PDB file of N, CA and C in Angstrom:
ATOM      1  N   MET A   1       0.834  -1.160   0.000  1.00  0.00           N
ATOM      2  CA  MET A   1       0.000   0.000   0.000  1.00  0.00           C
ATOM      3  C   MET A   1       0.891   1.240   0.000  1.00  0.00           C
ATOM      4  N   ASN A   2       0.655   2.126  -0.946  1.00  0.00           N
ATOM      5  CA  ASN A   2       1.443   3.333  -1.096  1.00  0.00           C
ATOM      6  C   ASN A   2       0.759   4.464  -0.339  1.00  0.00           C
ATOM      7  N   SER A   3       1.413   5.000   0.669  1.00  0.00           N
ATOM      8  CA  SER A   3       0.801   6.083   1.435  1.00  0.00           C
ATOM      9  C   SER A   3       1.302   7.420   0.905  1.00  0.00           C
ATOM     10  N   ASN A   4       0.383   8.261   0.548  1.00  0.00           N
ATOM     11  CA  ASN A   4       0.689   9.581   0.045  1.00  0.00           C
ATOM     12  C   ASN A   4       0.347  10.596   1.132  1.00  0.00           C
ATOM     13  N   ILE A   5       1.303  11.426   1.504  1.00  0.00           N
ATOM     14  CA  ILE A   5       1.091  12.362   2.600  1.00  0.00           C
ATOM     15  C   ILE A   5       0.055  13.417   2.235  1.00  0.00           C
ATOM     16  N   PHE A   6       0.109  13.945   1.042  1.00  0.00           N
ATOM     17  CA  PHE A   6      -0.730  15.080   0.681  1.00  0.00           C
ATOM     18  C   PHE A   6      -2.019  14.706  -0.005  1.00  0.00           C
ATOM     19  N   GLY A   7      -2.236  13.574  -0.395  1.00  0.00           N
ATOM     20  CA  GLY A   7      -3.426  13.247  -1.137  1.00  0.00           C
ATOM     21  C   GLY A   7      -4.238  12.155  -0.580  1.00  0.00           C
ATOM     22  N   GLY A   8      -4.063  11.370  -0.100  1.00  0.00           N
ATOM     23  CA  GLY A   8      -4.697  10.441   0.673  1.00  0.00           C
ATOM     24  C   GLY A   8      -5.529   9.312   0.227  1.00  0.00           C
ATOM     25  N   ASP A   9      -5.013   8.343  -0.441  1.00  0.00           N
ATOM     26  CA  ASP A   9      -5.767   7.121  -0.668  1.00  0.00           C
ATOM     27  C   ASP A   9      -5.538   6.149   0.471  1.00  0.00           C
ATOM     28  N   GLY A  10      -4.386   6.209   1.072  1.00  0.00           N
ATOM     29  CA  GLY A  10      -4.070   5.259   2.130  1.00  0.00           C
ATOM     30  C   GLY A  10      -3.910   5.949   3.466  1.00  0.00           C
ATOM     31  N   MET A  11      -3.518   5.173   4.444  1.00  0.00           N
ATOM     32  CA  MET A  11      -3.337   5.694   5.791  1.00  0.00           C
ATOM     33  C   MET A  11      -1.987   6.394   5.894  1.00  0.00           C
ATOM     34  N   ILE A  12      -1.894   7.346   6.774  1.00  0.00           N
ATOM     35  CA  ILE A  12      -0.642   8.059   7.011  1.00  0.00           C
ATOM     36  C   ILE A  12       0.096   7.324   8.117  1.00  0.00           C
ATOM     37  N   SER A  13       1.376   7.102   7.905  1.00  0.00           N
ATOM     38  CA  SER A  13       2.156   6.380   8.912  1.00  0.00           C
ATOM     39  C   SER A  13       2.501   7.310  10.075  1.00  0.00           C
ATOM     40  N   LEU A  14       2.960   6.719  11.146  1.00  0.00           N
ATOM     41  CA  LEU A  14       3.321   7.481  12.337  1.00  0.00           C
ATOM     42  C   LEU A  14       4.476   8.421  12.029  1.00  0.00           C
ATOM     43  N   ASN A  15       5.450   7.990  11.278  1.00  0.00           N
ATOM     44  CA  ASN A  15       6.585   8.844  10.921  1.00  0.00           C
ATOM     45  C   ASN A  15       6.128  10.050  10.103  1.00  0.00           C
ATOM     46  N   SER A  16       5.210   9.830   9.182  1.00  0.00           N
ATOM     47  CA  SER A  16       4.707  10.934   8.361  1.00  0.00           C
ATOM     48  C   SER A  16       3.912  11.924   9.201  1.00  0.00           C
ATOM     49  N   SER A  17       3.108  11.426  10.095  1.00  0.00           N
ATOM     50  CA  SER A  17       2.323  12.333  10.933  1.00  0.00           C
ATOM     51  C   SER A  17       3.218  13.135  11.869  1.00  0.00           C
ATOM     52  N   LEU A  18       4.268  12.525  12.407  1.00  0.00           N
ATOM     53  CA  LEU A  18       5.205  13.259  13.245  1.00  0.00           C
ATOM     54  C   LEU A  18       5.957  14.315  12.442  1.00  0.00           C
ATOM     55  N   TYR A  19       6.307  13.980  11.208  1.00  0.00           N
ATOM     56  CA  TYR A  19       6.982  14.938  10.336  1.00  0.00           C
ATOM     57  C   TYR A  19       6.079  16.134  10.044  1.00  0.00           C
ATOM     58  N   ILE A  20       4.824  15.884   9.724  1.00  0.00           N
ATOM     59  CA  ILE A  20       3.871  16.965   9.445  1.00  0.00           C
ATOM     60  C   ILE A  20       3.674  17.830  10.689  1.00  0.00           C
ATOM     61  N   THR A  21       3.566  17.203  11.859  1.00  0.00           N
ATOM     62  CA  THR A  21       3.400  17.933  13.111  1.00  0.00           C
ATOM     63  C   THR A  21       4.603  18.818  13.392  1.00  0.00           C
ATOM     64  N   PHE A  22       5.801  18.280  13.227  1.00  0.00           N
ATOM     65  CA  PHE A  22       7.021  19.027  13.488  1.00  0.00           C
ATOM     66  C   PHE A  22       7.160  20.212  12.537  1.00  0.00           C
ATOM     67  N   VAL A  23       6.948  19.993  11.268  1.00  0.00           N
ATOM     68  CA  VAL A  23       7.067  21.078  10.284  1.00  0.00           C
ATOM     69  C   VAL A  23       6.019  22.159  10.555  1.00  0.00           C
ATOM     70  N   SER A  24       4.819  21.774  10.892  1.00  0.00           N
ATOM     71  CA  SER A  24       3.764  22.739  11.179  1.00  0.00           C
ATOM     72  C   SER A  24       4.109  23.574  12.414  1.00  0.00           C
ATOM     73  N   MET A  25       4.631  22.931  13.453  1.00  0.00           N
ATOM     74  CA  MET A  25       4.994  23.657  14.663  1.00  0.00           C
ATOM     75  C   MET A  25       6.151  24.617  14.404  1.00  0.00           C
ATOM     76  N   VAL A  26       7.120  24.211  13.587  1.00  0.00           N
ATOM     77  CA  VAL A  26       8.240  25.084  13.247  1.00  0.00           C
ATOM     78  C   VAL A  26       7.736  26.311  12.491  1.00  0.00           C
ATOM     79  N   ILE A  27       6.807  26.098  11.573  1.00  0.00           N
ATOM     80  CA  ILE A  27       6.251  27.223  10.819  1.00  0.00           C
ATOM     81  C   ILE A  27       5.515  28.180  11.760  1.00  0.00           C
ATOM     82  N   VAL A  28       4.705  27.656  12.664  1.00  0.00           N
ATOM     83  CA  VAL A  28       3.948  28.504  13.589  1.00  0.00           C
ATOM     84  C   VAL A  28       4.885  29.296  14.483  1.00  0.00           C
ATOM     85  N   PHE A  29       5.906  28.666  15.046  1.00  0.00           N
ATOM     86  CA  PHE A  29       6.829  29.382  15.916  1.00  0.00           C
ATOM     87  C   PHE A  29       7.650  30.402  15.140  1.00  0.00           C
ATOM     88  N   PHE A  30       8.006  30.097  13.913  1.00  0.00           N
ATOM     89  CA  PHE A  30       8.725  31.060  13.086  1.00  0.00           C
ATOM     90  C   PHE A  30       7.865  32.299  12.831  1.00  0.00           C
ATOM     91  N   VAL A  31       6.597  32.100  12.541  1.00  0.00           N
ATOM     92  CA  VAL A  31       5.693  33.236  12.312  1.00  0.00           C
ATOM     93  C   VAL A  31       5.516  34.039  13.601  1.00  0.00           C
ATOM     94  N   LEU A  32       5.398  33.381  14.749  1.00  0.00           N
ATOM     95  CA  LEU A  32       5.265  34.094  16.028  1.00  0.00           C
ATOM     96  C   LEU A  32       6.520  34.911  16.349  1.00  0.00           C
ATOM     97  N   ILE A  33       7.685  34.362  16.091  1.00  0.00           N
ATOM     98  CA  ILE A  33       8.934  35.091  16.319  1.00  0.00           C
ATOM     99  C   ILE A  33       9.035  36.269  15.360  1.00  0.00           C
ATOM    100  N   LEU A  34       8.604  36.092  14.125  1.00  0.00           N
ATOM    101  CA  LEU A  34       8.609  37.173  13.151  1.00  0.00           C
ATOM    102  C   LEU A  34       7.663  38.304  13.584  1.00  0.00           C
ATOM    103  N   ILE A  35       6.479  37.966  14.049  1.00  0.00           N
ATOM    104  CA  ILE A  35       5.533  38.972  14.534  1.00  0.00           C
ATOM    105  C   ILE A  35       6.106  39.687  15.757  1.00  0.00           C
ATOM    106  N   SER A  36       6.738  38.953  16.652  1.00  0.00           N
ATOM    107  CA  SER A  36       7.341  39.558  17.836  1.00  0.00           C
ATOM    108  C   SER A  36       8.458  40.530  17.446  1.00  0.00           C
ATOM    109  N   ALA A  37       9.253  40.177  16.468  1.00  0.00           N
ATOM    110  CA  ALA A  37      10.332  41.062  16.019  1.00  0.00           C
ATOM    111  C   ALA A  37       9.770  42.324  15.381  1.00  0.00           C
ATOM    112  N   ILE A  38       8.723  42.193  14.598  1.00  0.00           N
ATOM    113  CA  ILE A  38       8.105  43.365  13.971  1.00  0.00           C
ATOM    114  C   ILE A  38       7.514  44.279  15.039  1.00  0.00           C
ATOM    115  N   LEU A  39       6.841  43.701  16.038  1.00  0.00           N
ATOM    116  CA  LEU A  39       6.248  44.518  17.092  1.00  0.00           C
ATOM    117  C   LEU A  39       7.308  45.199  17.955  1.00  0.00           C
ATOM    118  N   SER A  40       8.447  44.564  18.140  1.00  0.00           N
ATOM    119  CA  SER A  40       9.501  45.190  18.933  1.00  0.00           C
ATOM    120  C   SER A  40      10.139  46.358  18.189  1.00  0.00           C
ATOM    121  N   LEU A  41      10.017  46.401  16.873  1.00  0.00           N
ATOM    122  CA  LEU A  41      10.557  47.521  16.101  1.00  0.00           C
ATOM    123  C   LEU A  41       9.650  48.748  16.147  1.00  0.00           C
ATOM    124  N   PHE A  42       8.425  48.612  16.621  1.00  0.00           N
ATOM    125  CA  PHE A  42       7.498  49.742  16.677  1.00  0.00           C
ATOM    126  C   PHE A  42       7.980  50.837  17.626  1.00  0.00           C
ATOM    127  N   LYS A  43       8.809  50.499  18.617  1.00  0.00           N
ATOM    128  CA  LYS A  43       9.270  51.524  19.544  1.00  0.00           C
ATOM    129  C   LYS A  43      10.223  52.506  18.871  1.00  0.00           C
ATOM    130  N   TYR A  44      10.768  52.161  17.712  1.00  0.00           N
ATOM    131  CA  TYR A  44      11.662  53.046  16.994  1.00  0.00           C
ATOM    132  C   TYR A  44      10.929  53.965  16.026  1.00  0.00           C
ATOM    133  N   ILE A  45       9.644  53.746  15.837  1.00  0.00           N
ATOM    134  CA  ILE A  45       8.846  54.615  14.964  1.00  0.00           C
ATOM    135  C   ILE A  45       8.411  55.806  15.797  1.00  0.00           C
ATOM    136  N   PRO A  46       8.743  57.018  15.360  1.00  0.00           N
ATOM    137  CA  PRO A  46       8.380  58.185  16.176  1.00  0.00           C
ATOM    138  C   PRO A  46       6.871  58.397  16.193  1.00  0.00           C
ATOM    139  N   ALA A  47       6.404  58.887  17.322  1.00  0.00           N
ATOM    140  CA  ALA A  47       4.974  59.154  17.469  1.00  0.00           C
ATOM    141  C   ALA A  47       4.626  60.428  16.709  1.00  0.00           C
ATOM    142  N   GLU A  48       3.394  60.482  16.261  1.00  0.00           N
ATOM    143  CA  GLU A  48       2.944  61.660  15.535  1.00  0.00           C
ATOM    144  C   GLU A  48       2.781  62.816  16.509  1.00  0.00           C
ATOM    145  N   LYS A  49       3.413  63.928  16.201  1.00  0.00           N
ATOM    146  CA  LYS A  49       3.353  65.089  17.091  1.00  0.00           C
ATOM    147  C   LYS A  49       2.311  66.061  16.548  1.00  0.00           C
ATOM    148  N   VAL A  50       1.464  66.502  17.438  1.00  0.00           N
ATOM    149  CA  VAL A  50       0.435  67.474  17.076  1.00  0.00           C
ATOM    150  C   VAL A  50       0.930  68.842  17.503  1.00  0.00           C
ATOM    151  N   GLU A  51       1.033  69.742  16.548  1.00  0.00           N
ATOM    152  CA  GLU A  51       1.496  71.081  16.858  1.00  0.00           C
ATOM    153  C   GLU A  51       0.298  72.004  16.976  1.00  0.00           C
ATOM    154  N   ILE A  52       0.311  72.793  18.025  1.00  0.00           N
ATOM    155  CA  ILE A  52      -0.750  73.764  18.246  1.00  0.00           C
ATOM    156  C   ILE A  52      -0.249  75.098  17.719  1.00  0.00           C
ATOM    157  N   LYS A  53      -0.972  75.643  16.764  1.00  0.00           N
ATOM    158  CA  LYS A  53      -0.580  76.916  16.181  1.00  0.00           C
ATOM    159  C   LYS A  53      -1.079  78.041  17.076  1.00  0.00           C
ATOM    160  N   LYS A  54      -0.160  78.930  17.412  1.00  0.00           N
ATOM    161  CA  LYS A  54      -0.526  80.072  18.229  1.00  0.00           C
ATOM    162  C   LYS A  54      -0.803  81.246  17.301  1.00  0.00           C
ATOM    163  N   SER A  55      -1.957  81.806  17.468  1.00  0.00           N
ATOM    164  CA  SER A  55      -2.296  82.958  16.646  1.00  0.00           C
ATOM    165  C   SER A  55      -1.775  84.220  17.320  1.00  0.00           C
ATOM    166  N   GLY A  56      -1.671  85.291  16.550  1.00  0.00           N
ATOM    167  CA  GLY A  56      -1.148  86.540  17.060  1.00  0.00           C
ATOM    168  C   GLY A  56      -2.108  87.226  18.015  1.00  0.00           C
ATOM    169  N   THR A  57      -3.385  86.960  17.888  1.00  0.00           N
ATOM    170  CA  THR A  57      -4.353  87.613  18.779  1.00  0.00           C
ATOM    171  C   THR A  57      -4.540  86.772  20.025  1.00  0.00           C
ATOM    172  N   ASN A  58      -4.688  87.456  21.115  1.00  0.00           N
ATOM    173  CA  ASN A  58      -4.929  86.755  22.379  1.00  0.00           C
ATOM    174  C   ASN A  58      -6.418  86.530  22.540  1.00  0.00           C
ATOM    175  N   ALA A  59      -6.791  85.327  22.877  1.00  0.00           N
ATOM    176  CA  ALA A  59      -8.196  85.016  23.116  1.00  0.00           C
ATOM    177  C   ALA A  59      -8.597  85.580  24.466  1.00  0.00           C
ATOM    178  N   PRO A  60      -9.829  86.064  24.579  1.00  0.00           N
ATOM    179  CA  PRO A  60     -10.244  86.609  25.880  1.00  0.00           C
ATOM    180  C   PRO A  60     -10.296  85.497  26.925  1.00  0.00           C
ATOM    181  N   THR A  61      -9.898  85.857  28.114  1.00  0.00           N
ATOM    182  CA  THR A  61      -9.919  84.869  29.192  1.00  0.00           C
ATOM    183  C   THR A  61     -11.347  84.711  29.693  1.00  0.00           C
ATOM    184  N   PRO A  62     -11.760  83.503  29.981  1.00  0.00           N
ATOM    185  CA  PRO A  62     -13.125  83.303  30.452  1.00  0.00           C
ATOM    186  C   PRO A  62     -13.298  83.870  31.855  1.00  0.00           C
ATOM    187  N   ALA A  63     -14.519  84.267  32.134  1.00  0.00           N
ATOM    188  CA  ALA A  63     -14.830  84.815  33.453  1.00  0.00           C
ATOM    189  C   ALA A  63     -14.770  83.698  34.478  1.00  0.00           C
ATOM    190  N   PRO A  64     -14.335  83.987  35.698  1.00  0.00           N
ATOM    191  CA  PRO A  64     -14.266  82.937  36.717  1.00  0.00           C
ATOM    192  C   PRO A  64     -15.661  82.402  37.054  1.00  0.00           C
ATOM    193  N   VAL A  65     -15.711  81.141  37.331  1.00  0.00           N
ATOM    194  CA  VAL A  65     -16.968  80.478  37.649  1.00  0.00           C
ATOM    195  C   VAL A  65     -17.196  80.573  39.149  1.00  0.00           C
ATOM    196  N   ALA A  66     -18.414  80.910  39.501  1.00  0.00           N
ATOM    197  CA  ALA A  66     -18.744  80.984  40.928  1.00  0.00           C
ATOM    198  C   ALA A  66     -18.774  79.574  41.497  1.00  0.00           C
ATOM    199  N   VAL A  67     -18.081  79.387  42.590  1.00  0.00           N
ATOM    200  CA  VAL A  67     -17.954  78.067  43.191  1.00  0.00           C
ATOM    201  C   VAL A  67     -18.620  78.090  44.561  1.00  0.00           C
ATOM    202  N   ALA A  68     -19.489  77.143  44.764  1.00  0.00           N
ATOM    203  CA  ALA A  68     -20.087  77.010  46.091  1.00  0.00           C
ATOM    204  C   ALA A  68     -19.049  76.399  47.015  1.00  0.00           C
ATOM    205  N   GLU A  69     -18.933  76.917  48.186  1.00  0.00           N
ATOM    206  CA  GLU A  69     -17.907  76.463  49.118  1.00  0.00           C
ATOM    207  C   GLU A  69     -18.386  75.303  49.969  1.00  0.00           C
ATOM    208  N   LYS A  70     -18.949  74.310  49.352  1.00  0.00           N
ATOM    209  CA  LYS A  70     -19.369  73.109  50.060  1.00  0.00           C
ATOM    210  C   LYS A  70     -18.321  72.041  49.769  1.00  0.00           C
ATOM    211  N   SER A  71     -17.480  71.751  50.736  1.00  0.00           N
ATOM    212  CA  SER A  71     -16.402  70.805  50.485  1.00  0.00           C
ATOM    213  C   SER A  71     -16.757  69.433  51.047  1.00  0.00           C
ATOM    214  N   PHE A  72     -16.167  68.437  50.430  1.00  0.00           N
ATOM    215  CA  PHE A  72     -16.421  67.052  50.801  1.00  0.00           C
ATOM    216  C   PHE A  72     -15.101  66.373  51.105  1.00  0.00           C
ATOM    217  N   ASN A  73     -15.149  65.390  51.916  1.00  0.00           N
ATOM    218  CA  ASN A  73     -14.028  64.477  52.082  1.00  0.00           C
ATOM    219  C   ASN A  73     -14.299  63.275  51.202  1.00  0.00           C
ATOM    220  N   PRO A  74     -13.272  62.604  50.703  1.00  0.00           N
ATOM    221  CA  PRO A  74     -13.514  61.435  49.854  1.00  0.00           C
ATOM    222  C   PRO A  74     -14.346  60.348  50.540  1.00  0.00           C
ATOM    223  N   GLU A  75     -14.270  60.276  51.859  1.00  0.00           N
ATOM    224  CA  GLU A  75     -15.055  59.265  52.569  1.00  0.00           C
ATOM    225  C   GLU A  75     -16.536  59.613  52.612  1.00  0.00           C
ATOM    226  N   ASP A  76     -16.858  60.910  52.483  1.00  0.00           N
ATOM    227  CA  ASP A  76     -18.245  61.357  52.585  1.00  0.00           C
ATOM    228  C   ASP A  76     -19.027  61.218  51.291  1.00  0.00           C
ATOM    229  N   ILE A  77     -18.369  60.854  50.203  1.00  0.00           N
ATOM    230  CA  ILE A  77     -19.039  60.802  48.909  1.00  0.00           C
ATOM    231  C   ILE A  77     -19.902  59.551  48.839  1.00  0.00           C
ATOM    232  N   LYS A  78     -21.182  59.763  48.677  1.00  0.00           N
ATOM    233  CA  LYS A  78     -22.109  58.647  48.537  1.00  0.00           C
ATOM    234  C   LYS A  78     -22.756  58.647  47.154  1.00  0.00           C
ATOM    235  N   ASP A  79     -22.715  59.790  46.478  1.00  0.00           N
ATOM    236  CA  ASP A  79     -23.294  59.913  45.150  1.00  0.00           C
ATOM    237  C   ASP A  79     -22.322  59.344  44.123  1.00  0.00           C
ATOM    238  N   GLU A  80     -22.824  58.507  43.245  1.00  0.00           N
ATOM    239  CA  GLU A  80     -21.974  57.848  42.260  1.00  0.00           C
ATOM    240  C   GLU A  80     -21.392  58.850  41.268  1.00  0.00           C
ATOM    241  N   LYS A  81     -22.153  59.877  40.918  1.00  0.00           N
ATOM    242  CA  LYS A  81     -21.663  60.873  39.967  1.00  0.00           C
ATOM    243  C   LYS A  81     -20.494  61.664  40.547  1.00  0.00           C
ATOM    244  N   MET A  82     -20.557  61.987  41.820  1.00  0.00           N
ATOM    245  CA  MET A  82     -19.457  62.714  42.447  1.00  0.00           C
ATOM    246  C   MET A  82     -18.208  61.840  42.539  1.00  0.00           C
ATOM    247  N   LEU A  83     -18.391  60.569  42.811  1.00  0.00           N
ATOM    248  CA  LEU A  83     -17.260  59.657  42.882  1.00  0.00           C
ATOM    249  C   LEU A  83     -16.589  59.520  41.517  1.00  0.00           C
ATOM    250  N   VAL A  84     -17.405  59.421  40.479  1.00  0.00           N
ATOM    251  CA  VAL A  84     -16.858  59.332  39.121  1.00  0.00           C
ATOM    252  C   VAL A  84     -16.140  60.623  38.761  1.00  0.00           C
ATOM    253  N   ALA A  85     -16.714  61.768  39.133  1.00  0.00           N
ATOM    254  CA  ALA A  85     -16.073  63.050  38.848  1.00  0.00           C
ATOM    255  C   ALA A  85     -14.723  63.157  39.549  1.00  0.00           C
ATOM    256  N   MET A  86     -14.643  62.666  40.780  1.00  0.00           N
ATOM    257  CA  MET A  86     -13.384  62.691  41.505  1.00  0.00           C
ATOM    258  C   MET A  86     -12.345  61.811  40.814  1.00  0.00           C
ATOM    259  N   MET A  87     -12.765  60.639  40.383  1.00  0.00           N
ATOM    260  CA  MET A  87     -11.822  59.736  39.721  1.00  0.00           C
ATOM    261  C   MET A  87     -11.344  60.304  38.389  1.00  0.00           C
ATOM    262  N   VAL A  88     -12.262  60.869  37.611  1.00  0.00           N
ATOM    263  CA  VAL A  88     -11.882  61.441  36.321  1.00  0.00           C
ATOM    264  C   VAL A  88     -10.936  62.613  36.513  1.00  0.00           C
ATOM    265  N   ALA A  89     -11.195  63.443  37.499  1.00  0.00           N
ATOM    266  CA  ALA A  89     -10.320  64.587  37.762  1.00  0.00           C
ATOM    267  C   ALA A  89      -8.925  64.125  38.173  1.00  0.00           C
ATOM    268  N   SER A  90      -8.842  63.100  38.987  1.00  0.00           N
ATOM    269  CA  SER A  90      -7.522  62.625  39.407  1.00  0.00           C
ATOM    270  C   SER A  90      -6.782  61.944  38.263  1.00  0.00           C
ATOM    271  N   ILE A  91      -7.500  61.221  37.408  1.00  0.00           N
ATOM    272  CA  ILE A  91      -6.857  60.600  36.245  1.00  0.00           C
ATOM    273  C   ILE A  91      -6.353  61.669  35.292  1.00  0.00           C
ATOM    274  N   GLU A  92      -7.159  62.695  35.061  1.00  0.00           N
ATOM    275  CA  GLU A  92      -6.759  63.781  34.169  1.00  0.00           C
ATOM    276  C   GLU A  92      -5.554  64.525  34.725  1.00  0.00           C
ATOM    277  N   ALA A  93      -5.526  64.749  36.022  1.00  0.00           N
ATOM    278  CA  ALA A  93      -4.387  65.426  36.637  1.00  0.00           C
ATOM    279  C   ALA A  93      -3.139  64.561  36.555  1.00  0.00           C
ATOM    280  N   ALA A  94      -3.286  63.257  36.703  1.00  0.00           N
ATOM    281  CA  ALA A  94      -2.133  62.362  36.670  1.00  0.00           C
ATOM    282  C   ALA A  94      -1.605  62.171  35.259  1.00  0.00           C
ATOM    283  N   SER A  95      -2.429  62.364  34.245  1.00  0.00           N
ATOM    284  CA  SER A  95      -1.969  62.127  32.878  1.00  0.00           C
ATOM    285  C   SER A  95      -1.013  63.216  32.408  1.00  0.00           C
ATOM    286  N   ASP A  96      -1.004  64.378  33.068  1.00  0.00           N
ATOM    287  CA  ASP A  96      -0.100  65.453  32.675  1.00  0.00           C
ATOM    288  C   ASP A  96       1.332  65.197  33.115  1.00  0.00           C
ATOM    289  N   ASP A  97       1.541  64.376  34.122  1.00  0.00           N
ATOM    290  CA  ASP A  97       2.866  64.148  34.676  1.00  0.00           C
ATOM    291  C   ASP A  97       3.126  62.646  34.754  1.00  0.00           C
ATOM    292  N   GLU A  98       4.310  62.227  34.283  1.00  0.00           N
ATOM    293  CA  GLU A  98       4.626  60.794  34.301  1.00  0.00           C
ATOM    294  C   GLU A  98       4.773  60.250  35.714  1.00  0.00           C
ATOM    295  N   ASN A  99       5.359  61.025  36.598  1.00  0.00           N
ATOM    296  CA  ASN A  99       5.625  60.569  37.959  1.00  0.00           C
ATOM    297  C   ASN A  99       4.637  61.183  38.943  1.00  0.00           C
ATOM    298  N   ALA A 100       3.400  61.266  38.548  1.00  0.00           N
ATOM    299  CA  ALA A 100       2.400  61.932  39.376  1.00  0.00           C
ATOM    300  C   ALA A 100       1.962  61.032  40.527  1.00  0.00           C
ATOM    301  N   TYR A 101       1.855  61.643  41.670  1.00  0.00           N
ATOM    302  CA  TYR A 101       1.269  60.983  42.831  1.00  0.00           C
ATOM    303  C   TYR A 101       0.092  61.858  43.232  1.00  0.00           C
ATOM    304  N   ILE A 102      -1.094  61.393  42.941  1.00  0.00           N
ATOM    305  CA  ILE A 102      -2.289  62.187  43.167  1.00  0.00           C
ATOM    306  C   ILE A 102      -2.943  61.751  44.470  1.00  0.00           C
ATOM    307  N   ARG A 103      -3.217  62.740  45.301  1.00  0.00           N
ATOM    308  CA  ARG A 103      -3.931  62.500  46.543  1.00  0.00           C
ATOM    309  C   ARG A 103      -5.056  63.512  46.620  1.00  0.00           C
ATOM    310  N   VAL A 104      -6.280  63.051  46.631  1.00  0.00           N
ATOM    311  CA  VAL A 104      -7.437  63.936  46.682  1.00  0.00           C
ATOM    312  C   VAL A 104      -7.664  64.325  48.122  1.00  0.00           C
ATOM    313  N   LYS A 105      -7.543  65.627  48.413  1.00  0.00           N
ATOM    314  CA  LYS A 105      -7.766  66.121  49.768  1.00  0.00           C
ATOM    315  C   LYS A 105      -9.197  66.555  49.975  1.00  0.00           C
ATOM    316  N   SER A 106      -9.786  67.172  48.958  1.00  0.00           N
ATOM    317  CA  SER A 106     -11.169  67.608  49.101  1.00  0.00           C
ATOM    318  C   SER A 106     -11.820  67.691  47.728  1.00  0.00           C
ATOM    319  N   ILE A 107     -13.117  67.661  47.741  1.00  0.00           N
ATOM    320  CA  ILE A 107     -13.914  67.756  46.529  1.00  0.00           C
ATOM    321  C   ILE A 107     -14.967  68.821  46.769  1.00  0.00           C
ATOM    322  N   LYS A 108     -15.111  69.713  45.798  1.00  0.00           N
ATOM    323  CA  LYS A 108     -16.088  70.775  45.931  1.00  0.00           C
ATOM    324  C   LYS A 108     -17.136  70.638  44.846  1.00  0.00           C
ATOM    325  N   GLU A 109     -18.367  70.751  45.203  1.00  0.00           N
ATOM    326  CA  GLU A 109     -19.464  70.622  44.268  1.00  0.00           C
ATOM    327  C   GLU A 109     -19.695  71.970  43.593  1.00  0.00           C
ATOM    328  N   LEU A 110     -19.739  71.974  42.254  1.00  0.00           N
ATOM    329  CA  LEU A 110     -20.014  73.198  41.496  1.00  0.00           C
ATOM    330  C   LEU A 110     -21.493  73.233  41.175  1.00  0.00           C
ATOM    331  N   ASN A 111     -22.091  74.351  41.425  1.00  0.00           N
ATOM    332  CA  ASN A 111     -23.523  74.503  41.140  1.00  0.00           C
ATOM    333  C   ASN A 111     -23.729  75.384  39.942  1.00  0.00           C
TER     334      ASN A 111
END
């Protein structure tokens, strides 16, 4: 009985199946290593820089917002919206500095 690996009239022998398994695994690992090498080269591609154009005219400064002087401690927050606002404010403040250590001392409700 003539066994053909790629076409199949007969049964595949154990040696042939091991050969196919080994070659397939080598191909998969080679592709994974190739993808890993390509992804590691992405750190050398410069990031796109957005330039802000400054115009010659100065924009008017906005009027100060009246702030109600009702302060909260982080432990006193029971409203979900206030808690989310506190978290968003701290995340936004931390994103400006790489080594930021943000500690919320008080939260004031704006009316």
